[in-house]
mmCIF file of all heavy atoms, coordinates in Angstrom:
data_MODEL
# 
_entry.id   MODEL 
# 
loop_
_atom_site.group_PDB 
_atom_site.id 
_atom_site.type_symbol 
_atom_site.label_atom_id 
_atom_site.label_alt_id 
_atom_site.label_comp_id 
_atom_site.label_asym_id 
_atom_site.label_entity_id 
_atom_site.label_seq_id 
_atom_site.pdbx_PDB_ins_code 
_atom_site.Cartn_x 
_atom_site.Cartn_y 
_atom_site.Cartn_z 
_atom_site.occupancy 
_atom_site.B_iso_or_equiv 
_atom_site.pdbx_formal_charge 
_atom_site.auth_seq_id 
_atom_site.auth_comp_id 
_atom_site.auth_asym_id 
_atom_site.auth_atom_id 
_atom_site.pdbx_PDB_model_num 
ATOM 1   N N   . LYS A 1 1  ? -5.531  3.908   4.478  1.00 0.00 ? 1  LYS A N   1 
ATOM 2   C CA  . LYS A 1 1  ? -6.645  4.760   4.894  1.00 0.00 ? 1  LYS A CA  1 
ATOM 3   C C   . LYS A 1 1  ? -6.759  6.040   4.057  1.00 0.00 ? 1  LYS A C   1 
ATOM 4   O O   . LYS A 1 1  ? -5.833  6.401   3.320  1.00 0.00 ? 1  LYS A O   1 
ATOM 5   C CB  . LYS A 1 1  ? -6.483  5.126   6.368  1.00 0.00 ? 1  LYS A CB  1 
ATOM 6   C CG  . LYS A 1 1  ? -6.641  3.953   7.324  1.00 0.00 ? 1  LYS A CG  1 
ATOM 7   C CD  . LYS A 1 1  ? -6.470  4.477   8.749  1.00 0.00 ? 1  LYS A CD  1 
ATOM 8   C CE  . LYS A 1 1  ? -6.655  3.409   9.786  1.00 0.00 ? 1  LYS A CE  1 
ATOM 9   N NZ  . LYS A 1 1  ? -6.473  3.967   11.149 1.00 0.00 ? 1  LYS A NZ  1 
ATOM 10  N N   . PRO A 1 2  ? -7.896  6.730   4.215  1.00 0.00 ? 2  PRO A N   1 
ATOM 11  C CA  . PRO A 1 2  ? -8.135  7.941   3.420  1.00 0.00 ? 2  PRO A CA  1 
ATOM 12  C C   . PRO A 1 2  ? -7.018  8.983   3.464  1.00 0.00 ? 2  PRO A C   1 
ATOM 13  O O   . PRO A 1 2  ? -6.700  9.575   2.431  1.00 0.00 ? 2  PRO A O   1 
ATOM 14  C CB  . PRO A 1 2  ? -9.437  8.491   3.999  1.00 0.00 ? 2  PRO A CB  1 
ATOM 15  C CG  . PRO A 1 2  ? -10.188 7.255   4.402  1.00 0.00 ? 2  PRO A CG  1 
ATOM 16  C CD  . PRO A 1 2  ? -9.110  6.368   4.979  1.00 0.00 ? 2  PRO A CD  1 
ATOM 17  N N   . ASP A 1 3  ? -6.398  9.212   4.619  1.00 0.00 ? 3  ASP A N   1 
ATOM 18  C CA  . ASP A 1 3  ? -5.354  10.238  4.655  1.00 0.00 ? 3  ASP A CA  1 
ATOM 19  C C   . ASP A 1 3  ? -4.154  9.848   3.805  1.00 0.00 ? 3  ASP A C   1 
ATOM 20  O O   . ASP A 1 3  ? -3.573  10.696  3.115  1.00 0.00 ? 3  ASP A O   1 
ATOM 21  C CB  . ASP A 1 3  ? -4.942  10.588  6.085  1.00 0.00 ? 3  ASP A CB  1 
ATOM 22  C CG  . ASP A 1 3  ? -4.428  9.414   6.902  1.00 0.00 ? 3  ASP A CG  1 
ATOM 23  O OD1 . ASP A 1 3  ? -5.074  8.355   6.899  1.00 0.00 ? 3  ASP A OD1 1 
ATOM 24  O OD2 . ASP A 1 3  ? -3.390  9.571   7.579  1.00 0.00 ? 3  ASP A OD2 1 
ATOM 25  N N   . ALA A 1 4  ? -3.770  8.587   3.788  1.00 0.00 ? 4  ALA A N   1 
ATOM 26  C CA  . ALA A 1 4  ? -2.664  8.141   2.941  1.00 0.00 ? 4  ALA A CA  1 
ATOM 27  C C   . ALA A 1 4  ? -3.050  8.236   1.464  1.00 0.00 ? 4  ALA A C   1 
ATOM 28  O O   . ALA A 1 4  ? -2.226  8.633   0.631  1.00 0.00 ? 4  ALA A O   1 
ATOM 29  C CB  . ALA A 1 4  ? -2.263  6.712   3.291  1.00 0.00 ? 4  ALA A CB  1 
ATOM 30  N N   . MET A 1 5  ? -4.289  7.890   1.147  1.00 0.00 ? 5  MET A N   1 
ATOM 31  C CA  . MET A 1 5  ? -4.756  7.977   -0.237 1.00 0.00 ? 5  MET A CA  1 
ATOM 32  C C   . MET A 1 5  ? -4.760  9.434   -0.700 1.00 0.00 ? 5  MET A C   1 
ATOM 33  O O   . MET A 1 5  ? -4.301  9.751   -1.803 1.00 0.00 ? 5  MET A O   1 
ATOM 34  C CB  . MET A 1 5  ? -6.147  7.359   -0.377 1.00 0.00 ? 5  MET A CB  1 
ATOM 35  C CG  . MET A 1 5  ? -6.221  5.884   -0.030 1.00 0.00 ? 5  MET A CG  1 
ATOM 36  S SD  . MET A 1 5  ? -5.214  4.844   -1.106 1.00 0.00 ? 5  MET A SD  1 
ATOM 37  C CE  . MET A 1 5  ? -6.150  4.977   -2.630 1.00 0.00 ? 5  MET A CE  1 
ATOM 38  N N   . GLN A 1 6  ? -5.275  10.317  0.126  1.00 0.00 ? 6  GLN A N   1 
ATOM 39  C CA  . GLN A 1 6  ? -5.377  11.736  -0.242 1.00 0.00 ? 6  GLN A CA  1 
ATOM 40  C C   . GLN A 1 6  ? -3.997  12.379  -0.379 1.00 0.00 ? 6  GLN A C   1 
ATOM 41  O O   . GLN A 1 6  ? -3.824  13.309  -1.158 1.00 0.00 ? 6  GLN A O   1 
ATOM 42  C CB  . GLN A 1 6  ? -6.227  12.483  0.794  1.00 0.00 ? 6  GLN A CB  1 
ATOM 43  C CG  . GLN A 1 6  ? -7.680  12.051  0.748  1.00 0.00 ? 6  GLN A CG  1 
ATOM 44  C CD  . GLN A 1 6  ? -8.451  12.389  2.016  1.00 0.00 ? 6  GLN A CD  1 
ATOM 45  O OE1 . GLN A 1 6  ? -7.922  12.939  2.976  1.00 0.00 ? 6  GLN A OE1 1 
ATOM 46  N NE2 . GLN A 1 6  ? -9.728  12.032  2.019  1.00 0.00 ? 6  GLN A NE2 1 
ATOM 47  N N   . ARG A 1 7  ? -3.022  11.861  0.328  1.00 0.00 ? 7  ARG A N   1 
ATOM 48  C CA  . ARG A 1 7  ? -1.660  12.400  0.270  1.00 0.00 ? 7  ARG A CA  1 
ATOM 49  C C   . ARG A 1 7  ? -0.783  11.668  -0.743 1.00 0.00 ? 7  ARG A C   1 
ATOM 50  O O   . ARG A 1 7  ? 0.421   11.887  -0.800 1.00 0.00 ? 7  ARG A O   1 
ATOM 51  C CB  . ARG A 1 7  ? -1.028  12.334  1.661  1.00 0.00 ? 7  ARG A CB  1 
ATOM 52  C CG  . ARG A 1 7  ? -1.725  13.270  2.660  1.00 0.00 ? 7  ARG A CG  1 
ATOM 53  C CD  . ARG A 1 7  ? -1.191  13.121  4.064  1.00 0.00 ? 7  ARG A CD  1 
ATOM 54  N NE  . ARG A 1 7  ? 0.253   13.299  4.106  1.00 0.00 ? 7  ARG A NE  1 
ATOM 55  C CZ  . ARG A 1 7  ? 1.035   12.814  5.076  1.00 0.00 ? 7  ARG A CZ  1 
ATOM 56  N NH1 . ARG A 1 7  ? 0.513   12.102  6.069  1.00 0.00 ? 7  ARG A NH1 1 
ATOM 57  N NH2 . ARG A 1 7  ? 2.333   13.027  5.057  1.00 0.00 ? 7  ARG A NH2 1 
ATOM 58  N N   . ALA A 1 8  ? -1.388  10.768  -1.540 1.00 0.00 ? 8  ALA A N   1 
ATOM 59  C CA  . ALA A 1 8  ? -0.670  10.021  -2.584 1.00 0.00 ? 8  ALA A CA  1 
ATOM 60  C C   . ALA A 1 8  ? 0.493   9.198   -2.005 1.00 0.00 ? 8  ALA A C   1 
ATOM 61  O O   . ALA A 1 8  ? 1.571   9.130   -2.588 1.00 0.00 ? 8  ALA A O   1 
ATOM 62  C CB  . ALA A 1 8  ? -0.187  10.957  -3.697 1.00 0.00 ? 8  ALA A CB  1 
ATOM 63  N N   . LEU A 1 9  ? 0.240   8.536   -0.882 1.00 0.00 ? 9  LEU A N   1 
ATOM 64  C CA  . LEU A 1 9  ? 1.248   7.702   -0.234 1.00 0.00 ? 9  LEU A CA  1 
ATOM 65  C C   . LEU A 1 9  ? 0.991   6.206   -0.415 1.00 0.00 ? 9  LEU A C   1 
ATOM 66  O O   . LEU A 1 9  ? 1.730   5.387   0.134  1.00 0.00 ? 9  LEU A O   1 
ATOM 67  C CB  . LEU A 1 9  ? 1.313   8.029   1.267  1.00 0.00 ? 9  LEU A CB  1 
ATOM 68  C CG  . LEU A 1 9  ? 1.843   9.415   1.620  1.00 0.00 ? 9  LEU A CG  1 
ATOM 69  C CD1 . LEU A 1 9  ? 1.665   9.689   3.118  1.00 0.00 ? 9  LEU A CD1 1 
ATOM 70  C CD2 . LEU A 1 9  ? 3.310   9.547   1.224  1.00 0.00 ? 9  LEU A CD2 1 
ATOM 71  N N   . ALA A 1 10 ? -0.026  5.839   -1.173 1.00 0.00 ? 10 ALA A N   1 
ATOM 72  C CA  . ALA A 1 10 ? -0.382  4.421   -1.313 1.00 0.00 ? 10 ALA A CA  1 
ATOM 73  C C   . ALA A 1 10 ? 0.786   3.585   -1.838 1.00 0.00 ? 10 ALA A C   1 
ATOM 74  O O   . ALA A 1 10 ? 1.058   2.502   -1.316 1.00 0.00 ? 10 ALA A O   1 
ATOM 75  C CB  . ALA A 1 10 ? -1.601  4.262   -2.216 1.00 0.00 ? 10 ALA A CB  1 
ATOM 76  N N   . GLY A 1 11 ? 1.459   4.065   -2.844 1.00 0.00 ? 11 GLY A N   1 
ATOM 77  C CA  . GLY A 1 11 ? 2.590   3.314   -3.409 1.00 0.00 ? 11 GLY A CA  1 
ATOM 78  C C   . GLY A 1 11 ? 3.700   3.117   -2.398 1.00 0.00 ? 11 GLY A C   1 
ATOM 79  O O   . GLY A 1 11 ? 4.281   2.030   -2.293 1.00 0.00 ? 11 GLY A O   1 
ATOM 80  N N   . GLU A 1 12 ? 3.999   4.149   -1.636 1.00 0.00 ? 12 GLU A N   1 
ATOM 81  C CA  . GLU A 1 12 ? 5.020   4.061   -0.594 1.00 0.00 ? 12 GLU A CA  1 
ATOM 82  C C   . GLU A 1 12 ? 4.625   3.045   0.473  1.00 0.00 ? 12 GLU A C   1 
ATOM 83  O O   . GLU A 1 12 ? 5.437   2.227   0.897  1.00 0.00 ? 12 GLU A O   1 
ATOM 84  C CB  . GLU A 1 12 ? 5.238   5.436   0.057  1.00 0.00 ? 12 GLU A CB  1 
ATOM 85  C CG  . GLU A 1 12 ? 6.235   5.430   1.187  1.00 0.00 ? 12 GLU A CG  1 
ATOM 86  C CD  . GLU A 1 12 ? 7.671   5.193   0.759  1.00 0.00 ? 12 GLU A CD  1 
ATOM 87  O OE1 . GLU A 1 12 ? 8.029   5.561   -0.381 1.00 0.00 ? 12 GLU A OE1 1 
ATOM 88  O OE2 . GLU A 1 12 ? 8.434   4.635   1.568  1.00 0.00 ? 12 GLU A OE2 1 
ATOM 89  N N   . VAL A 1 13 ? 3.366   3.090   0.887  1.00 0.00 ? 13 VAL A N   1 
ATOM 90  C CA  . VAL A 1 13 ? 2.878   2.165   1.912  1.00 0.00 ? 13 VAL A CA  1 
ATOM 91  C C   . VAL A 1 13 ? 3.017   0.725   1.429  1.00 0.00 ? 13 VAL A C   1 
ATOM 92  O O   . VAL A 1 13 ? 3.615   -0.123  2.106  1.00 0.00 ? 13 VAL A O   1 
ATOM 93  C CB  . VAL A 1 13 ? 1.416   2.490   2.295  1.00 0.00 ? 13 VAL A CB  1 
ATOM 94  C CG1 . VAL A 1 13 ? 0.816   1.388   3.158  1.00 0.00 ? 13 VAL A CG1 1 
ATOM 95  C CG2 . VAL A 1 13 ? 1.337   3.839   3.004  1.00 0.00 ? 13 VAL A CG2 1 
ATOM 96  N N   . ILE A 1 14 ? 2.474   0.431   0.255  1.00 0.00 ? 14 ILE A N   1 
ATOM 97  C CA  . ILE A 1 14 ? 2.516   -0.938  -0.282 1.00 0.00 ? 14 ILE A CA  1 
ATOM 98  C C   . ILE A 1 14 ? 3.955   -1.389  -0.507 1.00 0.00 ? 14 ILE A C   1 
ATOM 99  O O   . ILE A 1 14 ? 4.326   -2.529  -0.196 1.00 0.00 ? 14 ILE A O   1 
ATOM 100 C CB  . ILE A 1 14 ? 1.692   -1.041  -1.586 1.00 0.00 ? 14 ILE A CB  1 
ATOM 101 C CG1 . ILE A 1 14 ? 0.214   -0.700  -1.340 1.00 0.00 ? 14 ILE A CG1 1 
ATOM 102 C CG2 . ILE A 1 14 ? 1.854   -2.412  -2.232 1.00 0.00 ? 14 ILE A CG2 1 
ATOM 103 C CD1 . ILE A 1 14 ? -0.506  -1.589  -0.367 1.00 0.00 ? 14 ILE A CD1 1 
ATOM 104 N N   . SER A 1 15 ? 4.794   -0.503  -1.024 1.00 0.00 ? 15 SER A N   1 
ATOM 105 C CA  . SER A 1 15 ? 6.179   -0.907  -1.306 1.00 0.00 ? 15 SER A CA  1 
ATOM 106 C C   . SER A 1 15 ? 6.950   -1.231  -0.029 1.00 0.00 ? 15 SER A C   1 
ATOM 107 O O   . SER A 1 15 ? 7.819   -2.105  -0.042 1.00 0.00 ? 15 SER A O   1 
ATOM 108 C CB  . SER A 1 15 ? 6.910   0.162   -2.120 1.00 0.00 ? 15 SER A CB  1 
ATOM 109 O OG  . SER A 1 15 ? 7.169   1.306   -1.343 1.00 0.00 ? 15 SER A OG  1 
ATOM 110 N N   . ARG A 1 16 ? 6.624   -0.588  1.077  1.00 0.00 ? 16 ARG A N   1 
ATOM 111 C CA  . ARG A 1 16 ? 7.305   -0.911  2.337  1.00 0.00 ? 16 ARG A CA  1 
ATOM 112 C C   . ARG A 1 16 ? 7.025   -2.353  2.748  1.00 0.00 ? 16 ARG A C   1 
ATOM 113 O O   . ARG A 1 16 ? 7.916   -3.056  3.219  1.00 0.00 ? 16 ARG A O   1 
ATOM 114 C CB  . ARG A 1 16 ? 6.851   0.018   3.461  1.00 0.00 ? 16 ARG A CB  1 
ATOM 115 C CG  . ARG A 1 16 ? 7.236   1.456   3.281  1.00 0.00 ? 16 ARG A CG  1 
ATOM 116 C CD  . ARG A 1 16 ? 8.541   1.780   4.003  1.00 0.00 ? 16 ARG A CD  1 
ATOM 117 N NE  . ARG A 1 16 ? 8.800   3.202   3.935  1.00 0.00 ? 16 ARG A NE  1 
ATOM 118 C CZ  . ARG A 1 16 ? 8.872   4.006   4.989  1.00 0.00 ? 16 ARG A CZ  1 
ATOM 119 N NH1 . ARG A 1 16 ? 8.723   3.533   6.202  1.00 0.00 ? 16 ARG A NH1 1 
ATOM 120 N NH2 . ARG A 1 16 ? 9.123   5.282   4.827  1.00 0.00 ? 16 ARG A NH2 1 
ATOM 121 N N   . TYR A 1 17 ? 5.781   -2.788  2.584  1.00 0.00 ? 17 TYR A N   1 
ATOM 122 C CA  . TYR A 1 17 ? 5.449   -4.179  2.927  1.00 0.00 ? 17 TYR A CA  1 
ATOM 123 C C   . TYR A 1 17 ? 6.155   -5.147  1.985  1.00 0.00 ? 17 TYR A C   1 
ATOM 124 O O   . TYR A 1 17 ? 6.671   -6.181  2.418  1.00 0.00 ? 17 TYR A O   1 
ATOM 125 C CB  . TYR A 1 17 ? 3.943   -4.420  2.861  1.00 0.00 ? 17 TYR A CB  1 
ATOM 126 C CG  . TYR A 1 17 ? 3.124   -3.556  3.797  1.00 0.00 ? 17 TYR A CG  1 
ATOM 127 C CD1 . TYR A 1 17 ? 2.036   -2.840  3.315  1.00 0.00 ? 17 TYR A CD1 1 
ATOM 128 C CD2 . TYR A 1 17 ? 3.407   -3.466  5.151  1.00 0.00 ? 17 TYR A CD2 1 
ATOM 129 C CE1 . TYR A 1 17 ? 1.266   -2.060  4.151  1.00 0.00 ? 17 TYR A CE1 1 
ATOM 130 C CE2 . TYR A 1 17 ? 2.644   -2.679  5.998  1.00 0.00 ? 17 TYR A CE2 1 
ATOM 131 C CZ  . TYR A 1 17 ? 1.580   -1.976  5.495  1.00 0.00 ? 17 TYR A CZ  1 
ATOM 132 O OH  . TYR A 1 17 ? 0.809   -1.201  6.324  1.00 0.00 ? 17 TYR A OH  1 
ATOM 133 N N   . GLU A 1 18 ? 6.181   -4.825  0.699  1.00 0.00 ? 18 GLU A N   1 
ATOM 134 C CA  . GLU A 1 18 ? 6.850   -5.705  -0.257 1.00 0.00 ? 18 GLU A CA  1 
ATOM 135 C C   . GLU A 1 18 ? 8.348   -5.775  0.020  1.00 0.00 ? 18 GLU A C   1 
ATOM 136 O O   . GLU A 1 18 ? 8.933   -6.862  -0.024 1.00 0.00 ? 18 GLU A O   1 
ATOM 137 C CB  . GLU A 1 18 ? 6.598   -5.232  -1.680 1.00 0.00 ? 18 GLU A CB  1 
ATOM 138 C CG  . GLU A 1 18 ? 5.191   -5.492  -2.165 1.00 0.00 ? 18 GLU A CG  1 
ATOM 139 C CD  . GLU A 1 18 ? 5.033   -5.145  -3.624 1.00 0.00 ? 18 GLU A CD  1 
ATOM 140 O OE1 . GLU A 1 18 ? 5.296   -3.984  -4.001 1.00 0.00 ? 18 GLU A OE1 1 
ATOM 141 O OE2 . GLU A 1 18 ? 4.645   -6.050  -4.385 1.00 0.00 ? 18 GLU A OE2 1 
ATOM 142 N N   . ARG A 1 19 ? 8.962   -4.640  0.295  1.00 0.00 ? 19 ARG A N   1 
ATOM 143 C CA  . ARG A 1 19 ? 10.401  -4.642  0.580  1.00 0.00 ? 19 ARG A CA  1 
ATOM 144 C C   . ARG A 1 19 ? 10.706  -5.399  1.863  1.00 0.00 ? 19 ARG A C   1 
ATOM 145 O O   . ARG A 1 19 ? 11.790  -5.946  2.025  1.00 0.00 ? 19 ARG A O   1 
ATOM 146 C CB  . ARG A 1 19 ? 10.931  -3.208  0.658  1.00 0.00 ? 19 ARG A CB  1 
ATOM 147 C CG  . ARG A 1 19 ? 10.991  -2.542  -0.706 1.00 0.00 ? 19 ARG A CG  1 
ATOM 148 C CD  . ARG A 1 19 ? 11.847  -1.292  -0.726 1.00 0.00 ? 19 ARG A CD  1 
ATOM 149 N NE  . ARG A 1 19 ? 11.582  -0.372  0.357  1.00 0.00 ? 19 ARG A NE  1 
ATOM 150 C CZ  . ARG A 1 19 ? 10.915  0.772   0.235  1.00 0.00 ? 19 ARG A CZ  1 
ATOM 151 N NH1 . ARG A 1 19 ? 10.413  1.144   -0.919 1.00 0.00 ? 19 ARG A NH1 1 
ATOM 152 N NH2 . ARG A 1 19 ? 10.759  1.558   1.285  1.00 0.00 ? 19 ARG A NH2 1 
ATOM 153 N N   . ARG A 1 20 ? 9.745   -5.451  2.743  1.00 0.00 ? 20 ARG A N   1 
ATOM 154 C CA  . ARG A 1 20 ? 9.904   -6.213  3.986  1.00 0.00 ? 20 ARG A CA  1 
ATOM 155 C C   . ARG A 1 20 ? 9.919   -7.715  3.694  1.00 0.00 ? 20 ARG A C   1 
ATOM 156 O O   . ARG A 1 20 ? 10.415  -8.513  4.485  1.00 0.00 ? 20 ARG A O   1 
ATOM 157 C CB  . ARG A 1 20 ? 8.750   -5.866  4.938  1.00 0.00 ? 20 ARG A CB  1 
ATOM 158 C CG  . ARG A 1 20 ? 8.785   -6.529  6.272  1.00 0.00 ? 20 ARG A CG  1 
ATOM 159 C CD  . ARG A 1 20 ? 9.342   -5.604  7.304  1.00 0.00 ? 20 ARG A CD  1 
ATOM 160 N NE  . ARG A 1 20 ? 9.654   -6.323  8.514  1.00 0.00 ? 20 ARG A NE  1 
ATOM 161 C CZ  . ARG A 1 20 ? 9.557   -5.805  9.714  1.00 0.00 ? 20 ARG A CZ  1 
ATOM 162 N NH1 . ARG A 1 20 ? 9.142   -4.577  9.873  1.00 0.00 ? 20 ARG A NH1 1 
ATOM 163 N NH2 . ARG A 1 20 ? 9.896   -6.512  10.759 1.00 0.00 ? 20 ARG A NH2 1 
ATOM 164 N N   . GLY A 1 21 ? 9.346   -8.107  2.540  1.00 0.00 ? 21 GLY A N   1 
ATOM 165 C CA  . GLY A 1 21 ? 9.314   -9.517  2.168  1.00 0.00 ? 21 GLY A CA  1 
ATOM 166 C C   . GLY A 1 21 ? 7.934   -10.131 2.170  1.00 0.00 ? 21 GLY A C   1 
ATOM 167 O O   . GLY A 1 21 ? 7.785   -11.328 1.934  1.00 0.00 ? 21 GLY A O   1 
ATOM 168 N N   . LEU A 1 22 ? 6.909   -9.322  2.427  1.00 0.00 ? 22 LEU A N   1 
ATOM 169 C CA  . LEU A 1 22 ? 5.536   -9.833  2.431  1.00 0.00 ? 22 LEU A CA  1 
ATOM 170 C C   . LEU A 1 22 ? 4.998   -9.895  1.008  1.00 0.00 ? 22 LEU A C   1 
ATOM 171 O O   . LEU A 1 22 ? 5.339   -9.068  0.167  1.00 0.00 ? 22 LEU A O   1 
ATOM 172 C CB  . LEU A 1 22 ? 4.657   -8.932  3.302  1.00 0.00 ? 22 LEU A CB  1 
ATOM 173 C CG  . LEU A 1 22 ? 5.076   -8.909  4.781  1.00 0.00 ? 22 LEU A CG  1 
ATOM 174 C CD1 . LEU A 1 22 ? 4.455   -7.724  5.492  1.00 0.00 ? 22 LEU A CD1 1 
ATOM 175 C CD2 . LEU A 1 22 ? 4.700   -10.215 5.447  1.00 0.00 ? 22 LEU A CD2 1 
ATOM 176 N N   . LYS A 1 23 ? 4.158   -10.873 0.759  1.00 0.00 ? 23 LYS A N   1 
ATOM 177 C CA  . LYS A 1 23 ? 3.537   -11.058 -0.555 1.00 0.00 ? 23 LYS A CA  1 
ATOM 178 C C   . LYS A 1 23 ? 2.115   -10.523 -0.536 1.00 0.00 ? 23 LYS A C   1 
ATOM 179 O O   . LYS A 1 23 ? 1.377   -10.741 0.424  1.00 0.00 ? 23 LYS A O   1 
ATOM 180 C CB  . LYS A 1 23 ? 3.483   -12.547 -0.937 1.00 0.00 ? 23 LYS A CB  1 
ATOM 181 C CG  . LYS A 1 23 ? 4.829   -13.225 -0.996 1.00 0.00 ? 23 LYS A CG  1 
ATOM 182 C CD  . LYS A 1 23 ? 5.615   -12.767 -2.175 1.00 0.00 ? 23 LYS A CD  1 
ATOM 183 C CE  . LYS A 1 23 ? 6.891   -13.585 -2.302 1.00 0.00 ? 23 LYS A CE  1 
ATOM 184 N NZ  . LYS A 1 23 ? 7.898   -12.908 -3.057 1.00 0.00 ? 23 LYS A NZ  1 
ATOM 185 N N   . ILE A 1 24 ? 1.726   -9.861  -1.605 1.00 0.00 ? 24 ILE A N   1 
ATOM 186 C CA  . ILE A 1 24 ? 0.344   -9.420  -1.769 1.00 0.00 ? 24 ILE A CA  1 
ATOM 187 C C   . ILE A 1 24 ? -0.438  -10.594 -2.339 1.00 0.00 ? 24 ILE A C   1 
ATOM 188 O O   . ILE A 1 24 ? -0.113  -11.081 -3.424 1.00 0.00 ? 24 ILE A O   1 
ATOM 189 C CB  . ILE A 1 24 ? 0.251   -8.218  -2.727 1.00 0.00 ? 24 ILE A CB  1 
ATOM 190 C CG1 . ILE A 1 24 ? 1.045   -7.037  -2.174 1.00 0.00 ? 24 ILE A CG1 1 
ATOM 191 C CG2 . ILE A 1 24 ? -1.211  -7.843  -2.960 1.00 0.00 ? 24 ILE A CG2 1 
ATOM 192 C CD1 . ILE A 1 24 ? 1.231   -5.904  -3.180 1.00 0.00 ? 24 ILE A CD1 1 
ATOM 193 N N   . VAL A 1 25 ? -1.453  -11.057 -1.606 1.00 0.00 ? 25 VAL A N   1 
ATOM 194 C CA  . VAL A 1 25 ? -2.275  -12.161 -2.109 1.00 0.00 ? 25 VAL A CA  1 
ATOM 195 C C   . VAL A 1 25 ? -3.675  -11.688 -2.504 1.00 0.00 ? 25 VAL A C   1 
ATOM 196 O O   . VAL A 1 25 ? -4.450  -12.449 -3.072 1.00 0.00 ? 25 VAL A O   1 
ATOM 197 C CB  . VAL A 1 25 ? -2.349  -13.341 -1.117 1.00 0.00 ? 25 VAL A CB  1 
ATOM 198 C CG1 . VAL A 1 25 ? -0.964  -13.935 -0.906 1.00 0.00 ? 25 VAL A CG1 1 
ATOM 199 C CG2 . VAL A 1 25 ? -2.978  -12.948 0.200  1.00 0.00 ? 25 VAL A CG2 1 
ATOM 200 N N   . GLY A 1 26 ? -3.976  -10.437 -2.221 1.00 0.00 ? 26 GLY A N   1 
ATOM 201 C CA  . GLY A 1 26 ? -5.235  -9.832  -2.638 1.00 0.00 ? 26 GLY A CA  1 
ATOM 202 C C   . GLY A 1 26 ? -5.135  -8.328  -2.448 1.00 0.00 ? 26 GLY A C   1 
ATOM 203 O O   . GLY A 1 26 ? -4.528  -7.875  -1.479 1.00 0.00 ? 26 GLY A O   1 
ATOM 204 N N   . MET A 1 27 ? -5.694  -7.572  -3.394 1.00 0.00 ? 27 MET A N   1 
ATOM 205 C CA  . MET A 1 27 ? -5.649  -6.120  -3.251 1.00 0.00 ? 27 MET A CA  1 
ATOM 206 C C   . MET A 1 27 ? -6.735  -5.508  -4.115 1.00 0.00 ? 27 MET A C   1 
ATOM 207 O O   . MET A 1 27 ? -6.975  -5.960  -5.238 1.00 0.00 ? 27 MET A O   1 
ATOM 208 C CB  . MET A 1 27 ? -4.288  -5.569  -3.666 1.00 0.00 ? 27 MET A CB  1 
ATOM 209 C CG  . MET A 1 27 ? -4.154  -4.073  -3.419 1.00 0.00 ? 27 MET A CG  1 
ATOM 210 S SD  . MET A 1 27 ? -2.450  -3.451  -3.445 1.00 0.00 ? 27 MET A SD  1 
ATOM 211 C CE  . MET A 1 27 ? -1.927  -3.851  -5.083 1.00 0.00 ? 27 MET A CE  1 
ATOM 212 N N   . LYS A 1 28 ? -7.399  -4.465  -3.561 1.00 0.00 ? 28 LYS A N   1 
ATOM 213 C CA  . LYS A 1 28 ? -8.396  -3.751  -4.346 1.00 0.00 ? 28 LYS A CA  1 
ATOM 214 C C   . LYS A 1 28 ? -8.566  -2.327  -3.839 1.00 0.00 ? 28 LYS A C   1 
ATOM 215 O O   . LYS A 1 28 ? -8.422  -2.058  -2.643 1.00 0.00 ? 28 LYS A O   1 
ATOM 216 C CB  . LYS A 1 28 ? -9.726  -4.478  -4.359 1.00 0.00 ? 28 LYS A CB  1 
ATOM 217 C CG  . LYS A 1 28 ? -10.354 -4.766  -3.019 1.00 0.00 ? 28 LYS A CG  1 
ATOM 218 C CD  . LYS A 1 28 ? -11.672 -5.520  -3.204 1.00 0.00 ? 28 LYS A CD  1 
ATOM 219 C CE  . LYS A 1 28 ? -11.937 -6.507  -2.104 1.00 0.00 ? 28 LYS A CE  1 
ATOM 220 N NZ  . LYS A 1 28 ? -13.164 -7.265  -2.303 1.00 0.00 ? 28 LYS A NZ  1 
ATOM 221 N N   . LEU A 1 29 ? -8.857  -1.459  -4.787 1.00 0.00 ? 29 LEU A N   1 
ATOM 222 C CA  . LEU A 1 29 ? -9.234  -0.094  -4.483 1.00 0.00 ? 29 LEU A CA  1 
ATOM 223 C C   . LEU A 1 29 ? -10.738 -0.106  -4.302 1.00 0.00 ? 29 LEU A C   1 
ATOM 224 O O   . LEU A 1 29 ? -11.462 -0.643  -5.138 1.00 0.00 ? 29 LEU A O   1 
ATOM 225 C CB  . LEU A 1 29 ? -8.844  0.828   -5.644 1.00 0.00 ? 29 LEU A CB  1 
ATOM 226 C CG  . LEU A 1 29 ? -9.245  2.293   -5.510 1.00 0.00 ? 29 LEU A CG  1 
ATOM 227 C CD1 . LEU A 1 29 ? -8.476  2.957   -4.381 1.00 0.00 ? 29 LEU A CD1 1 
ATOM 228 C CD2 . LEU A 1 29 ? -8.982  3.012   -6.838 1.00 0.00 ? 29 LEU A CD2 1 
ATOM 229 N N   . MET A 1 30 ? -11.207 0.486   -3.199 1.00 0.00 ? 30 MET A N   1 
ATOM 230 C CA  . MET A 1 30 ? -12.638 0.404   -2.913 1.00 0.00 ? 30 MET A CA  1 
ATOM 231 C C   . MET A 1 30 ? -13.081 1.557   -2.032 1.00 0.00 ? 30 MET A C   1 
ATOM 232 O O   . MET A 1 30 ? -12.270 2.204   -1.387 1.00 0.00 ? 30 MET A O   1 
ATOM 233 C CB  . MET A 1 30 ? -12.951 -0.924  -2.220 1.00 0.00 ? 30 MET A CB  1 
ATOM 234 C CG  . MET A 1 30 ? -12.309 -1.075  -0.852 1.00 0.00 ? 30 MET A CG  1 
ATOM 235 S SD  . MET A 1 30 ? -12.603 -2.659  -0.035 1.00 0.00 ? 30 MET A SD  1 
ATOM 236 C CE  . MET A 1 30 ? -14.353 -2.620  0.210  1.00 0.00 ? 30 MET A CE  1 
# 
């Protein structure tokens, strides 16, 4: 969401899901 984007937390958010073991099957900035 916008607050995470504005606070430069996008990488942290995505990496938490990946470290959990989930696969990214689609992603876009929009």
